[in-house]
């Protein structure tokens, strides 16, 4: 039990870093229920590369924390509704005088038509916290989306294992979100998620809510995005608990290829977000 407790103390020590590191993620999209508003890209390959920065503006103890991230994703469309999406990401987060590096990769296989998308994902992530200490997180799950002309609903659920120094815990994840298009090049995203890491009666919960605004000029394939994220984190064991919340503001640039607008990018290219939020 002493070493299991150490596992969760490690989680708590990186909780604020996690809030900063998960500064932004794209969500989902695809066609209209009655018509396809854009033509299929001839190459069948669409994606983007993005850079982002976030700063924690409110956290327990008024700690100074921030993070920057570099991510990329590519979607391959077979032309029959079958798609394959691959994501890679790197984040460096700092809190006071400490810093972490995290890496993640996800593979999505799914079917998409003009009304819905449904598929499965497999994901691996690693957090290096210094002092020759690191955490690995492995997860698989299902994801789905429902599409209309000016909005999208999407969700995901997964299960995996978080491992640190030879010790493991169960990791459960659920996410639900919505995206609204003001125009083909202006979009507002609302994203909520719950992660629970649990072992031997000790539970670590992360509940988050994020609002993102996205804008892409018509003549240039770069999207400017920014927003606000609220996270509530709690560790509980044997009838007692400790919790804290944080607020993060973030912004960044997304360089796209294979699409002519934000809406076209979502409807023909990458549909899913990276589900890694534990670090």
Protein backbone atom coordinates (compact mmCIF):
# COMPACT_ATOMS: atom_id res chain seq x y z
CA UNK A 1 0.00 0.00 0.00
CA UNK A 2 2.89 2.39 0.70
CA UNK A 3 4.21 2.07 -2.85
CA UNK A 4 0.70 2.26 -4.32
CA UNK A 5 0.20 5.47 -2.39
CA UNK A 6 3.45 6.74 -3.90
CA UNK A 7 2.02 6.13 -7.34
CA UNK A 8 -0.89 8.46 -6.65
CA UNK A 9 1.31 11.04 -4.93
CA UNK A 10 3.24 11.11 -8.21
CA UNK A 11 -0.04 11.72 -10.04
CA UNK A 12 -0.95 14.59 -7.72
CA UNK A 13 2.48 16.17 -8.12
CA UNK A 14 1.88 16.40 -11.88
CA UNK A 15 -1.81 17.40 -11.71
CA UNK A 16 -1.24 21.11 -12.36
CA UNK A 17 1.23 20.23 -15.10
CA UNK A 18 -1.47 18.10 -16.70
CA UNK A 19 -3.87 21.05 -16.68
CA UNK A 20 -1.31 23.17 -18.48
CA UNK A 21 -0.08 20.47 -20.84
CA UNK A 22 -3.53 19.67 -22.26
CA UNK A 23 -3.94 23.15 -23.67
CA UNK A 24 -5.91 22.41 -26.81
CA UNK A 25 -7.18 19.66 -29.06
CA UNK A 26 -9.25 19.71 -32.22
CA UNK A 27 -12.60 17.92 -32.05
CA UNK A 28 -14.68 16.33 -34.82
CA UNK A 29 -16.77 16.91 -37.92
CA UNK A 30 -17.99 15.49 -41.26
CA UNK A 31 -20.93 15.75 -43.68
CA UNK A 32 -24.50 17.00 -43.59
CA UNK A 33 -27.49 14.70 -43.04
CA UNK A 34 -28.99 15.47 -46.44
CA UNK A 35 -26.15 16.77 -48.60
CA UNK A 36 -22.39 16.81 -48.72
CA UNK A 37 -21.41 20.50 -48.68
CA UNK A 38 -17.88 20.01 -50.07
CA UNK A 39 -16.27 17.90 -52.77
CA UNK A 40 -14.06 14.96 -51.88
CA UNK A 41 -10.36 15.79 -51.89
CA UNK A 42 -8.76 14.09 -54.87
CA UNK A 43 -5.73 12.83 -52.93
CA UNK A 44 -7.71 11.40 -50.00
CA UNK A 45 -4.97 12.69 -47.66
CA UNK A 46 -5.75 15.60 -45.31
CA UNK A 47 -4.20 16.85 -42.09
CA UNK A 48 -2.46 19.60 -40.17
CA UNK A 49 0.47 20.57 -37.97
CA UNK A 50 -0.10 22.90 -35.04
CA UNK A 51 1.76 24.72 -32.31
CA UNK A 52 0.13 25.99 -29.12
CA UNK A 53 0.94 27.70 -25.83
CA UNK A 54 -1.07 27.76 -22.61
CA UNK A 55 -0.72 29.41 -19.22
CA UNK A 56 -2.44 28.54 -15.94
CA UNK A 57 -4.03 31.73 -14.63
CA UNK A 58 -5.68 30.32 -11.51
CA UNK A 59 -4.48 27.29 -9.51
CA UNK A 60 -4.15 26.17 -5.88
CA UNK A 61 -1.37 28.12 -4.19
CA UNK A 62 -1.18 30.54 -7.15
CA UNK A 63 1.56 28.41 -8.70
CA UNK A 64 3.20 29.56 -11.92
CA UNK A 65 2.58 26.93 -14.63
CA UNK A 66 2.58 26.95 -18.42
CA UNK A 67 3.10 24.61 -21.39
CA UNK A 68 3.75 24.57 -25.10
CA UNK A 69 2.89 21.81 -27.54
CA UNK A 70 3.57 20.63 -31.08
CA UNK A 71 1.11 18.23 -32.73
CA UNK A 72 0.42 16.72 -36.12
CA UNK A 73 -2.28 14.52 -37.63
CA UNK A 74 -2.99 12.93 -41.00
CA UNK A 75 -6.14 11.25 -42.32
CA UNK A 76 -6.26 8.69 -45.14
CA UNK A 77 -9.64 8.26 -46.87
CA UNK A 78 -10.03 5.04 -48.85
CA UNK A 79 -12.98 6.53 -50.76
CA UNK A 80 -15.47 3.88 -49.54
CA UNK A 81 -16.22 5.43 -46.16
CA UNK A 82 -13.30 3.67 -44.46
CA UNK A 83 -10.71 6.01 -42.92
CA UNK A 84 -7.46 5.82 -40.99
CA UNK A 85 -6.23 8.71 -38.85
CA UNK A 86 -2.84 8.95 -37.11
CA UNK A 87 -1.84 11.54 -34.46
CA UNK A 88 1.50 12.43 -32.87
CA UNK A 89 2.13 15.00 -30.15
CA UNK A 90 4.81 16.48 -27.87
CA UNK A 91 4.24 18.76 -24.86
CA UNK A 92 6.68 20.47 -22.52
CA UNK A 93 5.12 21.79 -19.32
CA UNK A 94 6.65 23.80 -16.46
CA UNK A 95 5.50 24.47 -12.91
CA UNK A 96 7.67 26.79 -10.84
CA UNK A 97 11.19 25.32 -11.25
CA UNK A 98 10.13 21.83 -12.40
CA UNK A 99 9.34 20.67 -15.94
CA UNK A 100 8.02 17.60 -17.74
CA UNK A 101 8.09 16.25 -21.28
CA UNK A 102 5.22 14.17 -22.63
CA UNK A 103 4.77 12.25 -25.88
CA UNK A 104 1.67 10.58 -27.32
CA UNK A 105 0.50 8.78 -30.41
CA UNK A 106 -2.96 7.58 -31.46
CA UNK A 107 -4.29 5.47 -34.31
CA UNK A 108 -7.99 5.72 -35.28
CA UNK A 109 -9.81 3.36 -37.66
CA UNK A 110 -13.38 4.32 -38.52
CA UNK A 111 -16.26 4.46 -40.99
CA UNK A 112 -17.71 7.84 -42.02
CA UNK A 113 -20.63 8.92 -44.18
CA UNK A 114 -22.59 12.18 -44.47
CA UNK A 115 -24.56 11.58 -41.25
CA UNK A 116 -22.29 9.87 -38.75
CA UNK A 117 -18.86 8.41 -38.03
CA UNK A 118 -18.05 5.46 -35.79
CA UNK A 119 -14.78 3.72 -35.03
CA UNK A 120 -12.13 2.64 -32.53
CA UNK A 121 -8.81 4.01 -31.34
CA UNK A 122 -5.59 2.79 -29.71
CA UNK A 123 -3.32 5.21 -27.89
CA UNK A 124 0.01 5.27 -26.07
CA UNK A 125 1.43 8.16 -24.04
CA UNK A 126 4.53 8.75 -21.92
CA UNK A 127 5.31 11.39 -19.29
CA UNK A 128 8.95 12.06 -18.34
CA UNK A 129 8.99 13.91 -15.03
CA UNK A 130 12.74 14.01 -14.47
CA UNK A 131 14.86 12.20 -11.88
CA UNK A 132 14.80 9.10 -14.14
CA UNK A 133 11.07 8.75 -13.46
CA UNK A 134 8.38 8.31 -16.10
CA UNK A 135 4.77 7.22 -16.49
CA UNK A 136 3.30 5.25 -19.41
CA UNK A 137 -0.39 5.24 -20.28
CA UNK A 138 -2.02 2.80 -22.74
CA UNK A 139 -5.67 3.03 -23.80
CA UNK A 140 -8.15 1.70 -26.33
CA UNK A 141 -11.77 2.58 -26.91
CA UNK A 142 -14.62 3.57 -29.18
CA UNK A 143 -15.68 6.93 -30.63
CA UNK A 144 -18.61 8.28 -32.57
CA UNK A 145 -19.96 11.49 -34.09
CA UNK A 146 -23.26 12.79 -35.48
CA UNK A 147 -23.14 15.48 -38.18
CA UNK A 148 -25.44 18.25 -39.32
CA UNK A 149 -24.78 21.19 -41.61
CA UNK A 150 -23.79 23.73 -38.95
CA UNK A 151 -23.02 21.58 -35.91
CA UNK A 152 -21.52 18.30 -34.75
CA UNK A 153 -21.93 16.15 -31.65
CA UNK A 154 -19.18 13.70 -30.75
CA UNK A 155 -18.12 11.39 -27.94
CA UNK A 156 -15.58 8.79 -26.92
CA UNK A 157 -15.08 6.20 -24.18
CA UNK A 158 -11.98 4.20 -23.36
CA UNK A 159 -10.18 1.96 -20.91
CA UNK A 160 -6.48 1.40 -20.31
CA UNK A 161 -3.60 1.08 -17.89
CA UNK A 162 -1.39 3.78 -16.36
CA UNK A 163 2.00 2.46 -15.22
CA UNK A 164 4.71 4.06 -13.10
CA UNK A 165 7.89 2.42 -11.83
CA UNK A 166 6.44 -1.07 -12.24
CA UNK A 167 3.08 -0.27 -10.62
CA UNK A 168 -0.19 -0.03 -12.53
CA UNK A 169 -3.68 1.40 -12.19
CA UNK A 170 -6.87 1.26 -14.27
CA UNK A 171 -7.60 4.29 -16.43
CA UNK A 172 -11.18 5.05 -17.50
CA UNK A 173 -12.06 7.88 -19.89
CA UNK A 174 -15.28 9.46 -21.19
CA UNK A 175 -15.64 12.56 -23.37
CA UNK A 176 -18.55 14.46 -24.92
CA UNK A 177 -18.48 17.60 -27.02
CA UNK A 178 -20.14 19.87 -29.55
CA UNK A 179 -18.92 22.07 -32.37
CA UNK A 180 -20.84 24.94 -33.97
CA UNK A 181 -19.95 26.60 -37.29
CA UNK A 182 -20.75 30.32 -37.56
CA UNK A 183 -19.27 30.16 -41.09
CA UNK A 184 -17.17 27.60 -42.96
CA UNK A 185 -14.09 29.32 -41.51
CA UNK A 186 -15.28 30.21 -38.00
CA UNK A 187 -16.07 27.53 -35.42
CA UNK A 188 -16.76 27.34 -31.67
CA UNK A 189 -16.03 24.14 -29.72
CA UNK A 190 -17.30 23.01 -26.33
CA UNK A 191 -15.56 19.92 -24.95
CA UNK A 192 -16.07 18.08 -21.65
CA UNK A 193 -14.16 15.07 -20.34
CA UNK A 194 -13.72 12.82 -17.32
CA UNK A 195 -10.66 10.67 -16.57
CA UNK A 196 -10.38 8.33 -13.59
CA UNK A 197 -7.21 6.49 -12.57
CA UNK A 198 -7.92 3.99 -9.80
CA UNK A 199 -6.13 1.26 -7.86
CA UNK A 200 -6.57 -0.39 -4.43
CA UNK A 201 -9.28 2.01 -3.27
CA UNK A 202 -7.41 5.14 -4.33
CA UNK A 203 -9.07 7.24 -7.08
CA UNK A 204 -7.62 10.14 -9.05
CA UNK A 205 -10.25 12.07 -11.06
CA UNK A 206 -9.77 14.82 -13.64
CA UNK A 207 -12.91 16.65 -14.82
CA UNK A 208 -12.47 19.31 -17.48
CA UNK A 209 -14.50 21.72 -19.58
CA UNK A 210 -13.02 23.67 -22.49
CA UNK A 211 -14.25 26.40 -24.85
CA UNK A 212 -12.31 27.07 -28.07
CA UNK A 213 -12.76 29.61 -30.86
CA UNK A 214 -11.23 28.92 -34.32
CA UNK A 215 -10.78 31.25 -37.31
CA UNK A 216 -9.14 30.59 -40.70
CA UNK A 217 -8.67 33.27 -43.41
CA UNK A 218 -10.22 32.26 -46.72
CA UNK A 219 -7.00 32.73 -48.72
CA UNK A 220 -4.48 31.19 -46.32
CA UNK A 221 -4.44 27.63 -44.83
CA UNK A 222 -3.65 28.71 -41.25
CA UNK A 223 -6.18 28.55 -38.42
CA UNK A 224 -5.85 30.79 -35.38
CA UNK A 225 -7.37 29.28 -32.24
CA UNK A 226 -7.64 30.20 -28.59
CA UNK A 227 -9.78 29.59 -25.56
CA UNK A 228 -10.24 28.74 -21.92
CA UNK A 229 -10.07 25.46 -20.02
CA UNK A 230 -11.33 24.67 -16.52
CA UNK A 231 -10.09 21.53 -14.76
CA UNK A 232 -11.11 20.06 -11.40
CA UNK A 233 -8.81 17.37 -9.96
CA UNK A 234 -9.47 15.16 -6.93
CA UNK A 235 -7.68 12.30 -5.23
CA UNK A 236 -9.70 10.24 -2.74
CA UNK A 237 -8.90 7.25 -0.54
CA UNK A 238 -10.44 5.53 2.50
CA UNK A 239 -13.21 8.07 3.05
CA UNK A 240 -11.18 11.26 2.61
CA UNK A 241 -10.24 13.37 -0.39
CA UNK A 242 -8.14 16.31 -1.55
CA UNK A 243 -9.16 18.42 -4.54
CA UNK A 244 -8.23 21.55 -6.43
CA UNK A 245 -9.21 23.35 -9.63
CA UNK A 246 -7.35 25.41 -12.20
CA UNK A 247 -8.03 27.72 -15.13
CA UNK A 248 -5.90 27.85 -18.27
CA UNK A 249 -5.93 30.20 -21.24
CA UNK A 250 -4.38 28.99 -24.50
CA UNK A 251 -3.79 29.91 -28.12
CA UNK A 252 -1.99 28.70 -31.19
CA UNK A 253 -1.70 28.25 -34.96
CA UNK A 254 -2.72 25.26 -37.09
CA UNK A 255 -1.14 24.81 -40.56
CA UNK A 256 -3.42 22.68 -42.75
CA UNK A 257 -3.00 20.76 -45.99
CA UNK A 258 -5.53 19.12 -48.31
CA UNK A 259 -8.45 21.40 -47.36
CA UNK A 260 -9.84 24.83 -48.25
CA UNK A 261 -11.68 25.73 -45.03
CA UNK A 262 -12.10 24.66 -41.40
CA UNK A 263 -15.35 22.93 -42.29
CA UNK A 264 -13.86 21.09 -45.25
CA UNK A 265 -10.91 19.99 -43.14
CA UNK A 266 -13.25 18.44 -40.55
CA UNK A 267 -15.66 16.89 -43.04
CA UNK A 268 -13.03 15.31 -45.32
CA UNK A 269 -10.00 14.95 -43.08
CA UNK A 270 -9.10 14.29 -39.42
CA UNK A 271 -12.27 13.70 -37.41
CA UNK A 272 -11.03 12.72 -33.98
CA UNK A 273 -9.08 14.40 -31.23
CA UNK A 274 -6.29 12.91 -29.18
CA UNK A 275 -7.91 11.49 -26.04
CA UNK A 276 -4.82 11.78 -23.82
CA UNK A 277 -5.63 14.08 -20.89
CA UNK A 278 -4.06 12.30 -17.90
CA UNK A 279 -0.79 14.12 -18.68
